[in-house]
Amino acid sequence: MGEANSSTPKIEAPVPFNTRVFHWTDTRTKKITRPEDPYDYLQGFGNEHQSEFMPGVLPVGQNSPQLCAYGLYAEQTTGTSFAATRAASMRNFLYRRRPACVHGLIRKTNDNPTIEASFLNPDLKVHVIPSQVSWKPFIIPEKGGDAVDFTMGIHTLGGSGQPNIREGLAYHVFAINSSMANKAFVNIDGDFLIVAQEGHLDITTEFGHLYLQPSEICVVQQGLRFKVDIVDQYSPKGARGYIVETWGSKWELPELGPLGGYGLANSRDFLFPTADIDTSSTGGWSIVSKQGSKYYVTLQSHTPFDVVGWHGNYIPYKYDLTKFVYQNTVSVDHTDPCINTVLTAKSRDLQAPLCDFLIFGPRWDVAENTFRPPYFHRNCASEFLARIYGPEGTGGRSEVFAPGGASYEAGFTPHGAADQRTVGAMHAEMKAMRVGENQLTLMIESCRSLLFTDWALHDSGVLAGEDIPESMWDLIPDRFGKNEEAQAYLKSLGRV
């Protein structure tokens, strides 16, 4: 008996996940989630999924039986037109204790005054940024102060278009100090892509739970109910992050083209919740809906998270950015940033996406005979950058670029990095090196020119600068004017 016990392998307690790992595979874990995440998931972007909390919930061979199992009700949600092509069609069937239509009157409620949804000129509430701007870290309300949950902690920075014409997008930040007690939220306007930057979030959806940590993202689609709770154990300062809201367009994986079948964000690494009915909450619930920049509420006596089983492809999902498979040059030149696209949302112009969501994290750089930092450029797209973690003052377009803050460049604004690293790269030894270690930066590129809110430019209190100071470019002098060969040639032409 003693020998049998001595040969039994010892199971060690899980080590907390190192967010700053070079790549997920360095953890050597056999799990598909980090150790703090308590939930089970389904895998595969774009798949038809199904899940049931108890066996026999899902009907076989049909969607809407005359009587559903266990006395449940069948309910369909469509994310696209009924007549959409089969490839584009998005919908689901939920089997729940009470249909979602069982609720009280829908009435107006207190708005979140810092949410904006109209970016059509002329509008005195939104403003053009002609060049570059940056923000210090956005302020998280203190935990001991007034409660600010997700519905009231969203602050719009800027956007383009308007949701009632299903055209455009908006960029928001969220900063919260409390959970949503017996409250659900539903965005009638569009899809939310949520980026966690500070704190851990437990997001309850009608389909089950999504656990979100810094350097993870999730997407909750238009019309689906959810609630956001702070996991206090891992969120001593509260929670903060970024939201990209798209109107009239769905997030897709970018085409891989000559890369082949794999790379970038692999479809099998996107995780979908499993059915998990709420049996612990008591009392009434409020359902808050966002329509434009207005909030409406309806009350009901039961939990909205009463789904016992579901199937379909219109399902919230999450993705761990440490699993991204970077691609880059192995010969010369700096690759365009689109090679780091995680998700893309199409626009009506097939040659210009409404929005690309990109990341820049730890990776190798092996380019030979090349200026390795991003080249100086003018981009037809607008660029919004934010740092999820890492040091301050490097990697952005200004001297102020810190985790929890942001920077923005309007389309065709000349920009590039101006620091000692940039100057040094012109003379550095060309050897293989790791770049982007101990930091993770996101970039949102859009074909749209954005307009920005009063909150972004004034009321946030963290606007750091409306442009890069001219003195920053002293590191980039006119070298041509002092080049002897160039000046000799000009002299031979009589041009000096």
Protein backbone atom coordinates (compact mmCIF):
# COMPACT_ATOMS: atom_id res chain seq x y z
CA MET A 1 0.00 0.00 0.00
CA GLY A 2 2.88 2.34 0.84
CA GLU A 3 4.49 1.75 -2.55
CA ALA A 4 1.23 2.54 -4.35
CA ASN A 5 0.91 5.85 -2.52
CA SER A 6 4.51 6.82 -3.26
CA SER A 7 3.97 6.37 -6.99
CA THR A 8 0.84 8.56 -7.11
CA PRO A 9 1.70 11.82 -8.94
CA LYS A 10 1.48 14.95 -6.82
CA ILE A 11 -0.99 17.51 -8.18
CA GLU A 12 0.29 21.03 -7.65
CA ALA A 13 -1.93 24.06 -7.16
CA PRO A 14 -2.27 26.17 -10.31
CA VAL A 15 0.16 29.05 -10.65
CA PRO A 16 -1.51 32.43 -11.35
CA PHE A 17 -1.37 33.27 -15.03
CA ASN A 18 1.47 35.56 -16.09
CA THR A 19 -0.31 38.12 -18.28
CA ARG A 20 3.04 39.27 -19.69
CA VAL A 21 4.02 35.85 -21.04
CA PHE A 22 5.76 35.94 -24.44
CA HIS A 23 3.12 33.57 -25.85
CA TRP A 24 0.41 31.37 -24.37
CA THR A 25 2.40 28.23 -25.22
CA ASP A 26 5.13 29.25 -22.77
CA THR A 27 2.75 28.39 -19.90
CA ARG A 28 2.84 24.69 -20.88
CA THR A 29 -0.74 24.39 -19.66
CA LYS A 30 -3.14 21.77 -21.00
CA LYS A 31 -6.17 23.96 -20.22
CA ILE A 32 -7.68 26.31 -22.81
CA THR A 33 -8.23 29.02 -20.17
CA ARG A 34 -6.20 30.74 -17.47
CA PRO A 35 -6.29 29.25 -13.95
CA GLU A 36 -8.47 32.07 -12.57
CA ASP A 37 -11.25 31.29 -15.08
CA PRO A 38 -13.74 28.85 -13.47
CA TYR A 39 -15.91 28.19 -16.53
CA ASP A 40 -16.12 25.63 -19.33
CA TYR A 41 -16.28 26.73 -22.97
CA LEU A 42 -16.98 25.58 -26.50
CA GLN A 43 -14.35 26.29 -29.16
CA GLY A 44 -14.42 27.58 -32.74
CA PHE A 45 -15.12 30.93 -34.40
CA GLY A 46 -18.02 30.88 -36.88
CA ASN A 47 -19.23 27.45 -35.80
CA GLU A 48 -22.72 26.22 -35.06
CA HIS A 49 -22.65 25.51 -31.32
CA GLN A 50 -25.07 23.93 -28.90
CA SER A 51 -25.13 23.53 -25.14
CA GLU A 52 -27.55 22.23 -22.53
CA PHE A 53 -27.34 22.58 -18.76
CA MET A 54 -29.17 19.31 -18.26
CA PRO A 55 -29.58 16.39 -20.67
CA GLY A 56 -32.54 16.29 -23.00
CA VAL A 57 -33.21 20.03 -23.15
CA LEU A 58 -32.45 20.45 -26.85
CA PRO A 59 -35.08 19.00 -29.22
CA VAL A 60 -33.84 16.54 -31.82
CA GLY A 61 -34.66 17.15 -35.48
CA GLN A 62 -36.55 20.42 -34.92
CA ASN A 63 -36.35 23.80 -33.19
CA SER A 64 -39.82 24.52 -31.80
CA PRO A 65 -41.66 21.43 -30.48
CA GLN A 66 -45.32 21.61 -29.57
CA LEU A 67 -44.19 21.17 -25.97
CA CYS A 68 -40.55 21.68 -25.00
CA ALA A 69 -38.78 19.38 -22.55
CA TYR A 70 -39.12 20.13 -18.83
CA GLY A 71 -41.85 22.72 -19.47
CA LEU A 72 -39.43 25.18 -21.14
CA TYR A 73 -40.25 27.66 -23.89
CA ALA A 74 -38.46 27.94 -27.24
CA GLU A 75 -37.35 31.43 -28.31
CA GLN A 76 -35.41 32.51 -31.38
CA THR A 77 -33.07 35.51 -31.71
CA THR A 78 -31.98 36.60 -35.18
CA GLY A 79 -28.81 38.62 -35.65
CA THR A 80 -29.32 39.03 -39.39
CA SER A 81 -32.22 39.27 -41.79
CA PHE A 82 -34.36 36.13 -42.17
CA ALA A 83 -33.40 36.06 -45.85
CA ALA A 84 -29.65 36.56 -45.36
CA THR A 85 -27.43 34.16 -47.28
CA ARG A 86 -26.68 30.91 -45.53
CA ALA A 87 -23.03 31.95 -45.07
CA ALA A 88 -24.03 35.26 -43.44
CA SER A 89 -27.08 34.11 -41.46
CA MET A 90 -26.75 34.49 -37.68
CA ARG A 91 -29.42 33.24 -35.26
CA ASN A 92 -30.03 31.05 -32.24
CA PHE A 93 -32.73 29.16 -30.40
CA LEU A 94 -32.92 29.38 -26.61
CA TYR A 95 -34.90 27.07 -24.32
CA ARG A 96 -35.82 29.01 -21.19
CA ARG A 97 -38.12 29.05 -18.18
CA ARG A 98 -39.95 32.20 -19.26
CA PRO A 99 -39.86 33.91 -22.67
CA ALA A 100 -38.01 37.24 -22.79
CA CYS A 101 -41.29 39.01 -23.63
CA VAL A 102 -42.55 38.40 -20.07
CA HIS A 103 -41.78 41.80 -18.56
CA GLY A 104 -43.38 45.05 -17.50
CA LEU A 105 -43.77 48.28 -19.44
CA ILE A 106 -40.70 49.68 -21.17
CA ARG A 107 -40.18 53.20 -19.92
CA LYS A 108 -37.58 55.95 -20.06
CA THR A 109 -34.94 55.88 -17.33
CA ASN A 110 -31.93 57.95 -16.34
CA ASP A 111 -29.49 58.27 -19.23
CA ASN A 112 -25.76 57.87 -19.01
CA PRO A 113 -24.80 61.48 -19.87
CA THR A 114 -21.39 60.45 -21.22
CA ILE A 115 -22.70 58.07 -23.92
CA GLU A 116 -23.00 59.46 -27.45
CA ALA A 117 -24.38 57.77 -30.56
CA SER A 118 -24.83 60.56 -33.12
CA PHE A 119 -21.78 61.55 -35.13
CA LEU A 120 -23.44 63.17 -38.12
CA ASN A 121 -22.40 66.74 -38.89
CA PRO A 122 -23.46 69.31 -37.96
CA ASP A 123 -23.63 68.46 -34.27
CA LEU A 124 -22.35 70.84 -31.62
CA LYS A 125 -21.74 67.97 -29.19
CA VAL A 126 -18.98 66.32 -31.24
CA HIS A 127 -15.76 67.79 -32.61
CA VAL A 128 -13.07 67.22 -35.20
CA ILE A 129 -9.53 66.39 -34.14
CA PRO A 130 -7.38 67.54 -37.07
CA SER A 131 -4.16 65.80 -36.06
CA GLN A 132 -3.10 63.92 -32.93
CA VAL A 133 -4.28 63.74 -29.35
CA SER A 134 -3.50 61.64 -26.29
CA TRP A 135 -5.03 60.85 -22.91
CA LYS A 136 -3.51 59.89 -19.58
CA PRO A 137 -5.05 56.82 -17.87
CA PHE A 138 -8.81 57.19 -17.59
CA ILE A 139 -9.93 57.55 -13.99
CA ILE A 140 -11.56 54.60 -12.22
CA PRO A 141 -14.10 55.70 -9.58
CA GLU A 142 -12.96 54.87 -6.07
CA LYS A 143 -14.45 51.74 -4.58
CA GLY A 144 -15.57 53.56 -1.47
CA GLY A 145 -17.40 56.24 -3.43
CA ASP A 146 -20.71 56.27 -5.27
CA ALA A 147 -21.45 52.99 -7.05
CA VAL A 148 -20.73 53.07 -10.78
CA ASP A 149 -21.67 49.90 -12.64
CA PHE A 150 -21.14 49.04 -16.31
CA THR A 151 -24.30 50.79 -17.54
CA MET A 152 -23.19 54.12 -16.07
CA GLY A 153 -19.43 53.63 -16.37
CA ILE A 154 -19.31 53.75 -20.19
CA HIS A 155 -17.87 56.98 -21.61
CA THR A 156 -17.87 57.70 -25.33
CA LEU A 157 -14.66 59.09 -26.80
CA GLY A 158 -15.65 59.40 -30.44
CA GLY A 159 -17.21 57.80 -33.45
CA SER A 160 -18.64 58.10 -36.94
CA GLY A 161 -22.13 57.53 -38.29
CA GLN A 162 -25.29 56.70 -36.38
CA PRO A 163 -26.89 53.42 -35.26
CA ASN A 164 -30.41 54.07 -36.54
CA ILE A 165 -29.08 53.97 -40.11
CA ARG A 166 -26.95 50.88 -39.26
CA GLU A 167 -23.81 52.67 -40.35
CA GLY A 168 -20.69 53.47 -38.35
CA LEU A 169 -18.94 52.84 -35.07
CA ALA A 170 -18.09 54.36 -31.69
CA TYR A 171 -15.11 54.08 -29.35
CA HIS A 172 -15.79 54.03 -25.60
CA VAL A 173 -13.91 53.46 -22.38
CA PHE A 174 -15.46 51.94 -19.26
CA ALA A 175 -14.38 52.57 -15.69
CA ILE A 176 -16.43 50.93 -12.92
CA ASN A 177 -16.29 50.18 -9.20
CA SER A 178 -19.36 47.98 -8.70
CA SER A 179 -21.24 45.03 -10.14
CA MET A 180 -24.70 45.02 -11.71
CA ALA A 181 -27.01 43.76 -8.96
CA ASN A 182 -30.19 42.22 -10.42
CA LYS A 183 -29.70 44.28 -13.56
CA ALA A 184 -29.14 43.24 -17.17
CA PHE A 185 -28.01 45.39 -20.09
CA VAL A 186 -28.86 45.08 -23.77
CA ASN A 187 -27.42 47.12 -26.63
CA ILE A 188 -30.12 47.58 -29.27
CA ASP A 189 -27.75 49.59 -31.49
CA GLY A 190 -24.89 47.25 -32.32
CA ASP A 191 -22.18 44.88 -31.15
CA PHE A 192 -19.80 45.53 -28.25
CA LEU A 193 -16.19 44.39 -28.51
CA ILE A 194 -14.96 44.70 -24.91
CA VAL A 195 -11.26 44.85 -23.98
CA ALA A 196 -10.31 44.25 -20.34
CA GLN A 197 -7.40 46.44 -19.16
CA GLU A 198 -7.70 46.58 -15.34
CA GLY A 199 -9.50 44.11 -13.10
CA HIS A 200 -11.30 40.83 -13.73
CA LEU A 201 -14.89 40.66 -15.00
CA ASP A 202 -17.49 37.91 -14.71
CA ILE A 203 -19.88 38.53 -17.60
CA THR A 204 -23.19 36.67 -17.39
CA THR A 205 -24.99 36.19 -20.71
CA GLU A 206 -28.15 34.35 -21.65
CA PHE A 207 -25.87 31.59 -22.97
CA GLY A 208 -23.63 31.23 -19.91
CA HIS A 209 -20.60 32.98 -18.43
CA LEU A 210 -17.58 34.69 -19.98
CA TYR A 211 -14.68 35.37 -17.61
CA LEU A 212 -12.62 38.33 -18.82
CA GLN A 213 -9.13 39.34 -17.68
CA PRO A 214 -6.63 41.95 -18.88
CA SER A 215 -5.34 41.05 -22.37
CA GLU A 216 -8.55 39.19 -23.17
CA ILE A 217 -11.41 40.46 -25.33
CA CYS A 218 -15.03 39.46 -25.73
CA VAL A 219 -17.84 40.29 -28.15
CA VAL A 220 -21.47 40.64 -27.04
CA GLN A 221 -23.73 41.03 -30.03
CA GLN A 222 -26.61 43.41 -30.66
CA GLY A 223 -29.82 42.54 -28.82
CA LEU A 224 -28.33 40.00 -26.37
CA ARG A 225 -28.74 40.54 -22.63
CA PHE A 226 -25.78 40.47 -20.29
CA LYS A 227 -24.54 41.69 -16.93
CA VAL A 228 -21.02 42.67 -15.85
CA ASP A 229 -19.76 41.87 -12.36
CA ILE A 230 -16.37 42.75 -10.88
CA VAL A 231 -14.36 39.86 -9.43
CA ASP A 232 -13.22 41.65 -6.26
CA GLN A 233 -10.42 39.19 -5.48
CA TYR A 234 -8.54 40.30 -8.59
CA SER A 235 -9.86 43.86 -8.88
CA PRO A 236 -8.72 45.94 -5.88
CA LYS A 237 -8.89 49.15 -7.93
CA GLY A 238 -12.14 48.36 -9.73
CA ALA A 239 -12.17 47.68 -13.47
CA ARG A 240 -11.36 49.57 -16.65
CA GLY A 241 -11.17 48.84 -20.35
CA TYR A 242 -12.13 49.80 -23.88
CA ILE A 243 -15.18 49.15 -26.06
CA VAL A 244 -15.52 49.23 -29.84
CA GLU A 245 -19.16 49.44 -30.88
CA THR A 246 -20.04 48.62 -34.49
CA TRP A 247 -23.32 49.42 -36.23
CA GLY A 248 -24.50 47.42 -39.23
CA SER A 249 -21.38 45.24 -39.43
CA LYS A 250 -20.27 42.03 -37.69
CA TRP A 251 -16.78 41.09 -36.55
CA GLU A 252 -15.02 38.52 -38.73
CA LEU A 253 -11.64 36.87 -38.89
CA PRO A 254 -9.41 38.51 -41.52
CA GLU A 255 -8.64 36.52 -44.66
CA LEU A 256 -5.30 34.71 -44.49
CA GLY A 257 -4.52 34.72 -48.22
CA PRO A 258 -1.06 33.29 -48.94
CA LEU A 259 -0.49 32.63 -45.23
CA GLY A 260 -2.51 29.46 -45.74
CA GLY A 261 -4.80 27.76 -43.27
CA TYR A 262 -3.45 29.01 -39.94
CA GLY A 263 -1.97 32.05 -38.25
CA LEU A 264 -2.99 35.34 -36.61
CA ALA A 265 -6.05 34.60 -34.43
CA ASN A 266 -6.82 30.94 -35.04
CA SER A 267 -10.52 30.12 -35.10
CA ARG A 268 -10.21 27.25 -32.60
CA ASP A 269 -8.95 29.64 -29.92
CA PHE A 270 -12.22 31.61 -29.72
CA LEU A 271 -14.27 30.42 -26.76
CA PHE A 272 -18.05 30.34 -26.38
CA PRO A 273 -20.01 29.93 -23.12
CA THR A 274 -21.85 26.84 -21.99
CA ALA A 275 -25.43 26.90 -20.73
CA ASP A 276 -25.69 27.82 -17.03
CA ILE A 277 -29.10 28.74 -15.63
CA ASP A 278 -29.30 31.28 -12.81
CA THR A 279 -30.90 29.55 -9.81
CA SER A 280 -29.50 31.69 -7.00
CA SER A 281 -30.80 35.23 -7.57
CA THR A 282 -33.94 36.43 -5.82
CA GLY A 283 -36.20 39.45 -6.17
CA GLY A 284 -37.05 41.59 -9.16
CA TRP A 285 -34.80 42.45 -12.09
CA SER A 286 -34.38 45.51 -14.27
CA ILE A 287 -33.45 45.23 -17.96
CA VAL A 288 -31.73 48.40 -19.23
CA SER A 289 -31.58 48.89 -22.99
CA LYS A 290 -29.41 51.35 -24.90
CA GLN A 291 -31.05 52.86 -27.96
CA GLY A 292 -29.01 55.66 -29.46
CA SER A 293 -27.70 57.64 -26.52
CA LYS A 294 -30.88 57.00 -24.50
CA TYR A 295 -31.58 54.42 -21.83
CA TYR A 296 -34.86 52.60 -21.31
CA VAL A 297 -35.80 50.10 -18.60
CA THR A 298 -38.30 47.36 -18.02
CA LEU A 299 -38.91 45.47 -14.78
CA GLN A 300 -39.62 41.78 -14.30
CA SER A 301 -40.04 39.44 -11.37
CA HIS A 302 -37.63 36.74 -12.59
CA THR A 303 -34.03 36.45 -13.76
CA PRO A 304 -33.37 37.05 -17.48
CA PHE A 305 -30.63 34.42 -17.30
CA ASP A 306 -33.01 31.46 -17.23
CA VAL A 307 -31.83 29.65 -20.37
CA VAL A 308 -31.37 25.91 -19.80
CA GLY A 309 -30.13 25.08 -23.30
CA TRP A 310 -29.41 26.74 -26.64
CA HIS A 311 -28.08 26.19 -30.14
CA GLY A 312 -27.04 28.47 -32.99
CA ASN A 313 -24.24 30.76 -34.15
CA TYR A 314 -25.28 34.16 -32.74
CA ILE A 315 -23.42 33.65 -29.48
CA PRO A 316 -21.13 35.89 -27.37
CA TYR A 317 -17.50 34.81 -27.35
CA LYS A 318 -14.07 35.64 -25.97
CA TYR A 319 -10.44 35.42 -27.08
CA ASP A 320 -7.12 35.49 -25.22
CA LEU A 321 -4.73 37.87 -26.99
CA THR A 322 -1.70 35.92 -25.71
CA LYS A 323 -2.68 33.15 -28.17
CA PHE A 324 -2.24 35.42 -31.21
CA VAL A 325 0.18 33.96 -33.79
CA TYR A 326 2.27 36.86 -35.09
CA GLN A 327 3.53 36.94 -38.67
CA ASN A 328 6.38 39.15 -39.89
CA THR A 329 9.11 39.52 -42.47
CA VAL A 330 12.04 37.10 -42.44
CA SER A 331 14.06 39.09 -44.97
CA VAL A 332 13.78 42.89 -45.21
CA ASP A 333 11.42 45.81 -44.53
CA HIS A 334 8.85 46.53 -41.86
CA THR A 335 5.53 44.76 -42.52
CA ASP A 336 2.36 46.86 -42.65
CA PRO A 337 0.47 46.79 -39.31
CA CYS A 338 -2.57 45.02 -40.79
CA ILE A 339 -0.57 41.80 -40.41
CA ASN A 340 -1.50 42.03 -36.71
CA THR A 341 -5.29 42.10 -37.26
CA VAL A 342 -7.26 39.99 -34.78
CA LEU A 343 -10.78 40.82 -36.02
CA THR A 344 -12.20 42.99 -38.78
CA ALA A 345 -15.61 44.55 -39.44
CA LYS A 346 -16.46 45.29 -43.05
CA SER A 347 -17.79 48.57 -44.42
CA ARG A 348 -19.82 49.23 -47.57
CA ASP A 349 -16.51 49.93 -49.31
CA LEU A 350 -15.03 46.48 -49.91
CA GLN A 351 -11.53 47.95 -50.08
CA ALA A 352 -11.69 49.74 -46.72
CA PRO A 353 -12.88 48.01 -43.53
CA LEU A 354 -15.11 49.86 -41.12
CA CYS A 355 -12.76 48.76 -38.37
CA ASP A 356 -9.73 46.54 -37.85
CA PHE A 357 -8.80 45.47 -34.32
CA LEU A 358 -5.02 44.94 -34.10
CA ILE A 359 -2.55 44.11 -31.34
CA PHE A 360 1.18 44.59 -30.85
CA GLY A 361 2.69 42.28 -28.26
CA PRO A 362 5.87 40.27 -27.71
CA ARG A 363 7.36 38.89 -30.95
CA TRP A 364 10.60 38.44 -32.88
CA ASP A 365 12.13 40.92 -35.32
CA VAL A 366 14.73 39.51 -37.74
CA ALA A 367 14.61 41.97 -40.67
CA GLU A 368 18.01 42.57 -42.29
CA ASN A 369 19.30 45.91 -43.64
CA THR A 370 16.08 47.53 -42.46
CA PHE A 371 14.86 50.42 -40.33
CA ARG A 372 12.97 48.16 -37.95
CA PRO A 373 10.66 50.54 -36.04
CA PRO A 374 7.44 51.62 -37.78
CA TYR A 375 8.35 53.84 -40.71
CA PHE A 376 7.20 57.45 -40.82
CA HIS A 377 3.89 57.48 -42.61
CA ARG A 378 0.60 59.12 -43.47
CA ASN A 379 -2.23 56.63 -43.31
CA CYS A 380 -5.64 57.08 -44.95
CA ALA A 381 -7.11 55.30 -41.91
CA SER A 382 -7.61 56.89 -38.50
CA GLU A 383 -5.64 55.17 -35.74
CA PHE A 384 -6.60 54.75 -32.08
CA LEU A 385 -4.04 53.15 -29.77
CA ALA A 386 -4.29 52.01 -26.16
CA ARG A 387 -1.89 50.15 -23.89
CA ILE A 388 -3.23 47.21 -21.91
CA TYR A 389 -0.04 46.77 -19.89
CA GLY A 390 3.56 47.90 -20.12
CA PRO A 391 5.81 50.88 -19.40
CA GLU A 392 4.74 54.47 -19.82
CA GLY A 393 5.93 56.82 -22.55
CA THR A 394 6.94 54.32 -25.25
CA GLY A 395 5.13 52.84 -28.20
CA GLY A 396 2.51 55.53 -28.71
CA ARG A 397 2.58 58.68 -30.78
CA SER A 398 3.28 61.03 -27.92
CA GLU A 399 5.32 61.40 -24.75
CA VAL A 400 2.24 60.37 -22.75
CA PHE A 401 1.26 56.77 -23.43
CA ALA A 402 0.42 54.75 -20.35
CA PRO A 403 -1.67 51.65 -19.59
CA GLY A 404 -5.30 52.69 -19.30
CA GLY A 405 -4.83 55.78 -21.48
CA ALA A 406 -4.94 56.22 -25.25
CA SER A 407 -3.76 58.15 -28.29
CA TYR A 408 -5.37 59.00 -31.63
CA GLU A 409 -4.23 60.14 -35.08
CA ALA A 410 -6.65 61.42 -37.69
CA GLY A 411 -6.35 60.04 -41.20
CA PHE A 412 -3.43 61.37 -43.26
CA THR A 413 -1.81 62.89 -40.17
CA PRO A 414 1.98 62.53 -40.62
CA HIS A 415 3.29 60.49 -37.71
CA GLY A 416 5.98 58.16 -36.46
CA ALA A 417 8.09 57.54 -33.38
CA ALA A 418 10.64 60.11 -32.24
CA ASP A 419 12.84 58.86 -29.42
CA GLN A 420 16.34 57.56 -28.80
CA ARG A 421 15.25 54.06 -29.77
CA THR A 422 14.19 55.34 -33.18
CA VAL A 423 17.50 57.13 -33.74
CA GLY A 424 19.43 54.12 -32.50
CA ALA A 425 17.61 51.81 -34.90
CA MET A 426 19.25 53.61 -37.83
CA HIS A 427 22.65 52.34 -36.66
CA ALA A 428 21.78 49.19 -34.71
CA GLU A 429 23.39 45.83 -35.32
CA MET A 430 21.10 43.65 -37.43
CA LYS A 431 20.62 40.66 -35.17
CA ALA A 432 17.52 38.70 -34.28
CA MET A 433 15.81 40.26 -31.29
CA ARG A 434 12.62 40.06 -29.28
CA VAL A 435 10.54 43.21 -29.46
CA GLY A 436 7.42 44.33 -27.64
CA GLU A 437 8.21 42.34 -24.51
CA ASN A 438 6.44 43.19 -21.24
CA GLN A 439 3.79 45.24 -23.00
CA LEU A 440 0.61 44.79 -25.04
CA THR A 441 -0.84 47.55 -27.19
CA LEU A 442 -4.05 47.55 -29.20
CA MET A 443 -4.73 49.58 -32.32
CA ILE A 444 -8.12 50.27 -33.88
CA GLU A 445 -7.89 51.34 -37.51
CA SER A 446 -10.94 52.70 -39.32
CA CYS A 447 -11.61 54.08 -42.79
CA ARG A 448 -13.80 56.65 -41.03
CA SER A 449 -12.89 60.14 -39.87
CA LEU A 450 -13.95 60.29 -36.25
CA LEU A 451 -15.66 63.04 -34.29
CA PHE A 452 -14.97 63.32 -30.56
CA THR A 453 -17.18 64.12 -27.57
CA ASP A 454 -17.00 66.88 -24.99
CA TRP A 455 -16.24 64.20 -22.42
CA ALA A 456 -13.17 63.03 -24.38
CA LEU A 457 -11.81 66.53 -24.95
CA HIS A 458 -12.77 68.21 -21.67
CA ASP A 459 -14.79 66.43 -19.00
CA SER A 460 -12.65 63.29 -18.73
CA GLY A 461 -9.97 65.41 -17.06
CA VAL A 462 -7.14 63.32 -18.56
CA LEU A 463 -6.55 64.95 -21.94
CA ALA A 464 -2.76 65.13 -22.10
CA GLY A 465 -2.12 66.98 -25.32
CA GLU A 466 -3.75 67.99 -28.57
CA ASP A 467 -0.58 67.37 -30.56
CA ILE A 468 3.00 66.24 -30.22
CA PRO A 469 5.27 69.12 -29.09
CA GLU A 470 7.54 70.39 -31.86
CA SER A 471 10.61 69.88 -29.66
CA MET A 472 10.02 66.13 -29.92
CA TRP A 473 11.22 66.20 -33.53
CA ASP A 474 14.61 67.69 -32.65
CA LEU A 475 15.83 64.09 -32.63
CA ILE A 476 14.99 63.89 -36.35
CA PRO A 477 17.17 66.65 -37.92
CA ASP A 478 17.71 67.55 -41.57
CA ARG A 479 20.63 65.25 -42.43
CA PHE A 480 20.40 65.80 -46.17
CA GLY A 481 21.48 69.42 -45.75
CA LYS A 482 24.74 68.27 -44.12
CA ASN A 483 25.45 65.33 -46.41
CA GLU A 484 28.63 66.19 -48.36
CA GLU A 485 27.82 63.95 -51.34
CA ALA A 486 24.33 65.38 -51.69
CA GLN A 487 25.51 68.94 -51.39
CA ALA A 488 28.28 68.38 -53.95
CA TYR A 489 25.71 67.07 -56.43
CA LEU A 490 23.39 70.02 -55.88
CA LYS A 491 26.34 72.35 -56.33
CA SER A 492 27.19 70.71 -59.65
CA LEU A 493 23.65 71.52 -60.79
CA GLY A 494 23.95 75.08 -59.63
CA ARG A 495 21.23 74.54 -57.06
CA VAL A 496 23.22 75.77 -54.04
